[in-house]
Amino acid sequence: MTQMYESIFICPGELADDKIQGILDKAKTIITRADGKVMTAELWGRRRLAYPIERSREGHYAYMIFSGPSQVPGLLDRHYQVSDSVIRGLTVKIDPRHLDKIKPSLKALSEDGTAAAAVPAAEGAVAAPLAQEASPQTPA
C-alpha cells in the first residue's frame, strides 16, 4: 500500500545551483527505485536560517511531495544523513484527512506543469470553507 509523503531538505548556502539540482535528482531517483512516484519537486531557493546549522547562516531549500511504500522515508532520511551536502532533512507522512487540500494543487500542477499554478488552487481550497464559516447566519 502506498502512502503520500512530503519531504524537505536544506543544503548549505554556498553550494552551486547545479549541485543542489543534482541532490534533488538523486532524491527523486531513490524514490522511483523504491517503486515510488514523485508528484512535485520544487527548489525554494536560498533563504536565511533561523539559527546557524553546521556554521551555515543561509541555506537552499528543496521540497517534494511523493507517494510510495513505507520504506521510502527511511531511505530518504538515510540519504540525508549520509550526504555531506544536506545539513537538514525531514520526511513526514501526509495525513489522509488533509489530502483534499493538497489534491487541487497537485491537479493544477499536473495540468500546467508549473509550481506557480498550484498556489491559487491551494488557496482557493482553503478559502472556500473559511468563506462559508464567515458568512452571517440568519436565525430561522
N, C-alpha and C. Protein backbone atom coordinates (compact mmCIF):
# COMPACT_ATOMS: atom_id res chain seq x y z
N MET A 1 0.84 -1.18 0.00
CA MET A 1 0.00 0.00 0.00
C MET A 1 0.89 1.25 0.00
N THR A 2 0.58 2.17 -0.86
CA THR A 2 1.38 3.39 -0.94
C THR A 2 0.75 4.49 -0.10
N GLN A 3 1.61 5.30 0.45
CA GLN A 3 1.21 6.44 1.25
C GLN A 3 1.74 7.71 0.59
N MET A 4 1.16 8.83 0.96
CA MET A 4 1.63 10.13 0.48
C MET A 4 2.56 10.73 1.54
N TYR A 5 3.67 11.29 1.07
CA TYR A 5 4.67 11.88 1.95
C TYR A 5 5.08 13.24 1.40
N GLU A 6 5.60 14.07 2.30
CA GLU A 6 6.26 15.29 1.87
C GLU A 6 7.62 15.33 2.54
N SER A 7 8.59 15.84 1.81
CA SER A 7 9.96 15.86 2.29
C SER A 7 10.58 17.21 1.96
N ILE A 8 11.39 17.69 2.88
CA ILE A 8 12.10 18.95 2.67
C ILE A 8 13.53 18.76 3.16
N PHE A 9 14.48 19.33 2.44
CA PHE A 9 15.86 19.30 2.90
C PHE A 9 16.52 20.64 2.63
N ILE A 10 17.57 20.90 3.42
CA ILE A 10 18.30 22.16 3.33
C ILE A 10 19.76 21.85 3.01
N CYS A 11 20.28 22.55 2.03
CA CYS A 11 21.70 22.44 1.65
C CYS A 11 22.40 23.74 2.05
N PRO A 12 23.70 23.71 2.30
CA PRO A 12 24.42 24.94 2.66
C PRO A 12 24.26 26.02 1.60
N GLY A 13 24.23 27.27 2.03
CA GLY A 13 24.01 28.39 1.14
C GLY A 13 25.10 28.61 0.10
N GLU A 14 26.31 28.12 0.36
CA GLU A 14 27.41 28.35 -0.59
C GLU A 14 27.46 27.34 -1.72
N LEU A 15 26.59 26.35 -1.73
CA LEU A 15 26.58 25.37 -2.83
C LEU A 15 26.05 25.99 -4.12
N ALA A 16 26.57 25.50 -5.23
CA ALA A 16 26.12 25.98 -6.54
C ALA A 16 24.75 25.36 -6.87
N ASP A 17 23.99 26.07 -7.72
CA ASP A 17 22.65 25.62 -8.08
C ASP A 17 22.65 24.25 -8.77
N ASP A 18 23.65 23.98 -9.61
CA ASP A 18 23.68 22.69 -10.29
C ASP A 18 23.93 21.54 -9.32
N LYS A 19 24.69 21.79 -8.27
CA LYS A 19 24.94 20.78 -7.24
C LYS A 19 23.65 20.47 -6.47
N ILE A 20 22.88 21.51 -6.17
CA ILE A 20 21.61 21.33 -5.46
C ILE A 20 20.62 20.58 -6.34
N GLN A 21 20.58 20.90 -7.62
CA GLN A 21 19.71 20.18 -8.55
C GLN A 21 20.11 18.70 -8.61
N GLY A 22 21.41 18.43 -8.55
CA GLY A 22 21.89 17.05 -8.54
C GLY A 22 21.44 16.28 -7.30
N ILE A 23 21.44 16.96 -6.15
CA ILE A 23 20.98 16.33 -4.91
C ILE A 23 19.49 16.04 -4.99
N LEU A 24 18.72 16.98 -5.55
CA LEU A 24 17.28 16.77 -5.73
C LEU A 24 17.02 15.61 -6.70
N ASP A 25 17.77 15.53 -7.78
CA ASP A 25 17.63 14.43 -8.73
C ASP A 25 17.96 13.09 -8.08
N LYS A 26 18.97 13.07 -7.22
CA LYS A 26 19.33 11.84 -6.50
C LYS A 26 18.20 11.41 -5.58
N ALA A 27 17.56 12.36 -4.90
CA ALA A 27 16.43 12.04 -4.03
C ALA A 27 15.26 11.48 -4.85
N LYS A 28 15.01 12.08 -6.02
CA LYS A 28 13.95 11.56 -6.90
C LYS A 28 14.27 10.14 -7.35
N THR A 29 15.54 9.87 -7.66
CA THR A 29 15.96 8.54 -8.09
C THR A 29 15.74 7.52 -6.98
N ILE A 30 16.04 7.89 -5.74
CA ILE A 30 15.82 7.00 -4.60
C ILE A 30 14.34 6.64 -4.49
N ILE A 31 13.48 7.62 -4.67
CA ILE A 31 12.04 7.39 -4.57
C ILE A 31 11.56 6.48 -5.69
N THR A 32 11.96 6.75 -6.92
CA THR A 32 11.46 5.95 -8.05
C THR A 32 12.03 4.53 -8.04
N ARG A 33 13.26 4.35 -7.57
CA ARG A 33 13.82 2.99 -7.48
C ARG A 33 13.10 2.14 -6.44
N ALA A 34 12.50 2.76 -5.46
CA ALA A 34 11.76 2.05 -4.42
C ALA A 34 10.27 1.96 -4.77
N ASP A 35 9.94 2.05 -6.06
CA ASP A 35 8.56 1.97 -6.57
C ASP A 35 7.69 3.12 -6.08
N GLY A 36 8.27 4.29 -5.89
CA GLY A 36 7.52 5.48 -5.52
C GLY A 36 7.30 6.37 -6.73
N LYS A 37 6.48 7.38 -6.54
CA LYS A 37 6.18 8.32 -7.62
C LYS A 37 6.27 9.74 -7.07
N VAL A 38 7.09 10.57 -7.70
CA VAL A 38 7.25 11.96 -7.28
C VAL A 38 6.12 12.78 -7.90
N MET A 39 5.32 13.41 -7.05
CA MET A 39 4.21 14.26 -7.53
C MET A 39 4.71 15.65 -7.90
N THR A 40 5.52 16.23 -7.02
CA THR A 40 6.08 17.54 -7.28
C THR A 40 7.44 17.66 -6.58
N ALA A 41 8.33 18.38 -7.19
CA ALA A 41 9.65 18.66 -6.61
C ALA A 41 9.98 20.11 -6.94
N GLU A 42 10.25 20.89 -5.91
CA GLU A 42 10.48 22.31 -6.10
C GLU A 42 11.76 22.74 -5.38
N LEU A 43 12.49 23.64 -5.99
CA LEU A 43 13.60 24.31 -5.32
C LEU A 43 13.08 25.66 -4.84
N TRP A 44 13.09 25.88 -3.55
CA TRP A 44 12.56 27.11 -2.98
C TRP A 44 13.59 28.23 -2.95
N GLY A 45 14.83 27.92 -3.21
CA GLY A 45 15.86 28.96 -3.28
C GLY A 45 16.61 29.14 -1.98
N ARG A 46 17.41 30.18 -1.97
CA ARG A 46 18.29 30.47 -0.84
C ARG A 46 17.57 31.37 0.15
N ARG A 47 17.59 30.93 1.43
CA ARG A 47 16.93 31.70 2.48
C ARG A 47 17.80 31.73 3.72
N ARG A 48 17.60 32.73 4.52
CA ARG A 48 18.34 32.84 5.78
C ARG A 48 17.74 31.86 6.79
N LEU A 49 18.62 31.16 7.50
CA LEU A 49 18.19 30.20 8.51
C LEU A 49 17.88 30.92 9.82
N ALA A 50 17.00 30.36 10.62
CA ALA A 50 16.63 30.97 11.90
C ALA A 50 17.81 30.96 12.87
N TYR A 51 18.65 29.94 12.75
CA TYR A 51 19.84 29.83 13.58
C TYR A 51 20.91 29.10 12.77
N PRO A 52 22.17 29.29 13.09
CA PRO A 52 23.23 28.63 12.32
C PRO A 52 23.16 27.10 12.46
N ILE A 53 23.29 26.41 11.33
CA ILE A 53 23.36 24.95 11.30
C ILE A 53 24.67 24.59 10.63
N GLU A 54 25.50 23.88 11.35
CA GLU A 54 26.82 23.50 10.85
C GLU A 54 27.57 24.70 10.23
N ARG A 55 27.57 25.79 10.96
CA ARG A 55 28.25 27.04 10.58
C ARG A 55 27.67 27.72 9.34
N SER A 56 26.48 27.34 8.94
CA SER A 56 25.82 27.98 7.79
C SER A 56 24.71 28.89 8.31
N ARG A 57 24.69 30.10 7.79
CA ARG A 57 23.62 31.04 8.15
C ARG A 57 22.54 31.10 7.08
N GLU A 58 22.83 30.61 5.89
CA GLU A 58 21.86 30.57 4.80
C GLU A 58 21.84 29.16 4.24
N GLY A 59 20.68 28.82 3.65
CA GLY A 59 20.57 27.50 3.07
C GLY A 59 19.63 27.49 1.88
N HIS A 60 19.83 26.52 1.00
CA HIS A 60 18.95 26.30 -0.14
C HIS A 60 17.92 25.26 0.26
N TYR A 61 16.65 25.58 0.08
CA TYR A 61 15.57 24.68 0.45
C TYR A 61 15.05 23.94 -0.77
N ALA A 62 14.73 22.66 -0.59
CA ALA A 62 14.10 21.85 -1.64
C ALA A 62 12.93 21.09 -1.02
N TYR A 63 11.82 20.99 -1.76
CA TYR A 63 10.58 20.41 -1.24
C TYR A 63 10.04 19.40 -2.25
N MET A 64 9.54 18.27 -1.75
CA MET A 64 8.96 17.24 -2.62
C MET A 64 7.69 16.67 -1.98
N ILE A 65 6.74 16.33 -2.83
CA ILE A 65 5.59 15.54 -2.43
C ILE A 65 5.66 14.28 -3.27
N PHE A 66 5.52 13.12 -2.63
CA PHE A 66 5.63 11.86 -3.36
C PHE A 66 4.77 10.80 -2.70
N SER A 67 4.52 9.73 -3.43
CA SER A 67 3.83 8.58 -2.88
C SER A 67 4.74 7.37 -3.04
N GLY A 68 4.59 6.43 -2.13
CA GLY A 68 5.43 5.25 -2.20
C GLY A 68 5.19 4.33 -1.03
N PRO A 69 5.87 3.18 -1.03
CA PRO A 69 5.75 2.25 0.09
C PRO A 69 6.38 2.82 1.35
N SER A 70 6.12 2.18 2.47
CA SER A 70 6.56 2.71 3.76
C SER A 70 8.07 2.71 3.95
N GLN A 71 8.82 2.03 3.12
CA GLN A 71 10.28 2.01 3.26
C GLN A 71 10.95 3.25 2.68
N VAL A 72 10.26 3.99 1.84
CA VAL A 72 10.87 5.13 1.15
C VAL A 72 11.33 6.24 2.11
N PRO A 73 10.54 6.65 3.11
CA PRO A 73 11.04 7.70 4.01
C PRO A 73 12.34 7.32 4.72
N GLY A 74 12.49 6.07 5.09
CA GLY A 74 13.72 5.63 5.71
C GLY A 74 14.91 5.74 4.78
N LEU A 75 14.69 5.39 3.51
CA LEU A 75 15.76 5.50 2.52
C LEU A 75 16.16 6.96 2.30
N LEU A 76 15.16 7.83 2.24
CA LEU A 76 15.46 9.26 2.05
C LEU A 76 16.18 9.84 3.26
N ASP A 77 15.72 9.52 4.45
CA ASP A 77 16.38 10.02 5.66
C ASP A 77 17.81 9.53 5.74
N ARG A 78 18.04 8.30 5.35
CA ARG A 78 19.40 7.76 5.33
C ARG A 78 20.28 8.54 4.34
N HIS A 79 19.71 8.85 3.18
CA HIS A 79 20.43 9.66 2.19
C HIS A 79 20.77 11.04 2.74
N TYR A 80 19.80 11.67 3.43
CA TYR A 80 20.05 12.98 4.01
C TYR A 80 21.16 12.94 5.04
N GLN A 81 21.21 11.89 5.87
CA GLN A 81 22.22 11.77 6.91
C GLN A 81 23.61 11.50 6.34
N VAL A 82 23.69 10.69 5.31
CA VAL A 82 24.98 10.30 4.74
C VAL A 82 25.58 11.41 3.88
N SER A 83 24.73 12.17 3.20
CA SER A 83 25.20 13.20 2.28
C SER A 83 25.80 14.38 3.05
N ASP A 84 26.98 14.78 2.65
CA ASP A 84 27.62 15.94 3.25
C ASP A 84 26.99 17.25 2.76
N SER A 85 26.26 17.18 1.67
CA SER A 85 25.68 18.38 1.08
C SER A 85 24.29 18.70 1.63
N VAL A 86 23.77 17.89 2.53
CA VAL A 86 22.47 18.14 3.14
C VAL A 86 22.70 18.39 4.63
N ILE A 87 22.31 19.60 5.10
CA ILE A 87 22.53 19.90 6.51
C ILE A 87 21.32 19.58 7.37
N ARG A 88 20.13 19.53 6.79
CA ARG A 88 18.92 19.11 7.49
C ARG A 88 17.97 18.48 6.48
N GLY A 89 17.20 17.49 6.93
CA GLY A 89 16.21 16.86 6.08
C GLY A 89 15.10 16.28 6.93
N LEU A 90 13.89 16.31 6.41
CA LEU A 90 12.74 15.79 7.14
C LEU A 90 11.73 15.24 6.15
N THR A 91 11.22 14.06 6.44
CA THR A 91 10.18 13.44 5.62
C THR A 91 9.04 13.04 6.55
N VAL A 92 7.82 13.45 6.21
CA VAL A 92 6.65 13.12 7.03
C VAL A 92 5.53 12.59 6.15
N LYS A 93 4.70 11.75 6.75
CA LYS A 93 3.53 11.22 6.05
C LYS A 93 2.43 12.27 6.06
N ILE A 94 1.78 12.43 4.93
CA ILE A 94 0.67 13.38 4.84
C ILE A 94 -0.58 12.72 5.38
N ASP A 95 -1.26 13.39 6.28
CA ASP A 95 -2.48 12.88 6.87
C ASP A 95 -3.56 12.74 5.80
N PRO A 96 -4.20 11.57 5.68
CA PRO A 96 -5.22 11.39 4.63
C PRO A 96 -6.37 12.38 4.74
N ARG A 97 -6.62 12.91 5.95
CA ARG A 97 -7.71 13.89 6.11
C ARG A 97 -7.38 15.22 5.43
N HIS A 98 -6.10 15.47 5.17
CA HIS A 98 -5.68 16.73 4.55
C HIS A 98 -5.37 16.58 3.06
N LEU A 99 -5.55 15.40 2.52
CA LEU A 99 -5.26 15.19 1.10
C LEU A 99 -6.16 16.03 0.20
N ASP A 100 -7.41 16.27 0.63
CA ASP A 100 -8.31 17.07 -0.20
C ASP A 100 -7.82 18.50 -0.35
N LYS A 101 -7.03 19.01 0.61
CA LYS A 101 -6.46 20.36 0.49
C LYS A 101 -5.26 20.37 -0.44
N ILE A 102 -4.56 19.24 -0.54
CA ILE A 102 -3.36 19.16 -1.37
C ILE A 102 -3.71 18.77 -2.80
N LYS A 103 -4.73 17.93 -3.00
CA LYS A 103 -5.05 17.42 -4.33
C LYS A 103 -5.36 18.50 -5.36
N PRO A 104 -6.07 19.59 -5.02
CA PRO A 104 -6.27 20.62 -6.06
C PRO A 104 -4.96 21.22 -6.56
N SER A 105 -3.99 21.40 -5.66
CA SER A 105 -2.72 21.96 -6.10
C SER A 105 -1.95 20.94 -6.93
N LEU A 106 -2.03 19.66 -6.59
CA LEU A 106 -1.37 18.63 -7.38
C LEU A 106 -2.03 18.49 -8.75
N LYS A 107 -3.35 18.62 -8.80
CA LYS A 107 -4.07 18.54 -10.08
C LYS A 107 -3.67 19.70 -10.98
N ALA A 108 -3.60 20.91 -10.42
CA ALA A 108 -3.19 22.08 -11.20
C ALA A 108 -1.75 21.92 -11.66
N LEU A 109 -0.93 21.34 -10.81
CA LEU A 109 0.47 21.13 -11.16
C LEU A 109 0.59 20.14 -12.31
N SER A 110 -0.18 19.07 -12.28
CA SER A 110 -0.08 18.07 -13.34
C SER A 110 -0.64 18.59 -14.66
N GLU A 111 -1.62 19.48 -14.61
CA GLU A 111 -2.19 20.03 -15.84
C GLU A 111 -1.26 21.04 -16.50
N ASP A 112 -0.70 21.96 -15.68
CA ASP A 112 0.12 23.03 -16.23
C ASP A 112 1.61 22.69 -16.25
N GLY A 113 2.03 21.88 -15.28
CA GLY A 113 3.43 21.53 -15.20
C GLY A 113 4.28 22.61 -14.55
N THR A 114 3.64 23.59 -13.91
CA THR A 114 4.38 24.64 -13.22
C THR A 114 3.93 24.72 -11.79
N ALA A 115 4.84 25.07 -10.90
CA ALA A 115 4.50 25.17 -9.48
C ALA A 115 3.67 26.41 -9.20
N ALA A 116 3.80 27.45 -10.02
CA ALA A 116 3.06 28.69 -9.79
C ALA A 116 1.56 28.48 -9.90
N ALA A 117 1.13 27.56 -10.74
CA ALA A 117 -0.30 27.30 -10.90
C ALA A 117 -0.87 26.59 -9.69
N ALA A 118 -0.03 25.97 -8.87
CA ALA A 118 -0.52 25.22 -7.73
C ALA A 118 -0.94 26.13 -6.58
N VAL A 119 -0.37 27.32 -6.47
CA VAL A 119 -0.65 28.18 -5.35
C VAL A 119 -2.09 28.69 -5.32
N PRO A 120 -2.66 29.25 -6.41
CA PRO A 120 -4.02 29.72 -6.33
C PRO A 120 -5.03 28.60 -6.05
N ALA A 121 -4.80 27.41 -6.57
CA ALA A 121 -5.73 26.31 -6.32
C ALA A 121 -5.72 25.94 -4.86
N ALA A 122 -4.56 25.92 -4.24
CA ALA A 122 -4.47 25.57 -2.83
C ALA A 122 -5.12 26.64 -1.97
N GLU A 123 -4.92 27.92 -2.31
CA GLU A 123 -5.54 28.99 -1.56
C GLU A 123 -7.05 28.94 -1.70
N GLY A 124 -7.54 28.63 -2.89
CA GLY A 124 -8.97 28.54 -3.12
C GLY A 124 -9.59 27.40 -2.34
N ALA A 125 -8.87 26.30 -2.20
CA ALA A 125 -9.38 25.15 -1.47
C ALA A 125 -9.53 25.48 0.01
N VAL A 126 -8.65 26.32 0.54
CA VAL A 126 -8.72 26.69 1.94
C VAL A 126 -9.69 27.84 2.13
N ALA A 127 -9.75 28.77 1.20
CA ALA A 127 -10.58 29.96 1.35
C ALA A 127 -12.07 29.64 1.26
N ALA A 128 -12.46 28.66 0.50
CA ALA A 128 -13.88 28.34 0.34
C ALA A 128 -14.54 27.95 1.66
N PRO A 129 -13.99 27.02 2.45
CA PRO A 129 -14.62 26.70 3.72
C PRO A 129 -14.60 27.87 4.70
N LEU A 130 -13.54 28.68 4.66
CA LEU A 130 -13.49 29.82 5.55
C LEU A 130 -14.55 30.84 5.19
N ALA A 131 -14.84 31.01 3.91
CA ALA A 131 -15.86 31.96 3.50
C ALA A 131 -17.23 31.50 3.96
N GLN A 132 -17.49 30.21 3.97
CA GLN A 132 -18.77 29.70 4.43
C GLN A 132 -18.93 29.91 5.93
N GLU A 133 -17.84 29.75 6.69
CA GLU A 133 -17.91 29.95 8.13
C GLU A 133 -18.10 31.42 8.47
N ALA A 134 -17.53 32.30 7.69
CA ALA A 134 -17.57 33.73 7.99
C ALA A 134 -18.91 34.37 7.64
N SER A 135 -19.70 33.74 6.77
CA SER A 135 -20.97 34.34 6.37
C SER A 135 -21.94 34.35 7.54
N PRO A 136 -22.66 35.47 7.72
CA PRO A 136 -23.57 35.58 8.84
C PRO A 136 -24.74 34.61 8.69
N GLN A 137 -25.11 34.00 9.78
CA GLN A 137 -26.23 33.05 9.79
C GLN A 137 -27.47 33.81 10.23
N THR A 138 -28.54 33.67 9.47
CA THR A 138 -29.81 34.29 9.85
C THR A 138 -30.62 33.30 10.66
N PRO A 139 -31.21 33.73 11.76
CA PRO A 139 -31.99 32.81 12.58
C PRO A 139 -33.23 32.34 11.82
N ALA A 140 -33.57 31.09 11.99
CA ALA A 140 -34.72 30.52 11.28
C ALA A 140 -35.96 30.60 12.09
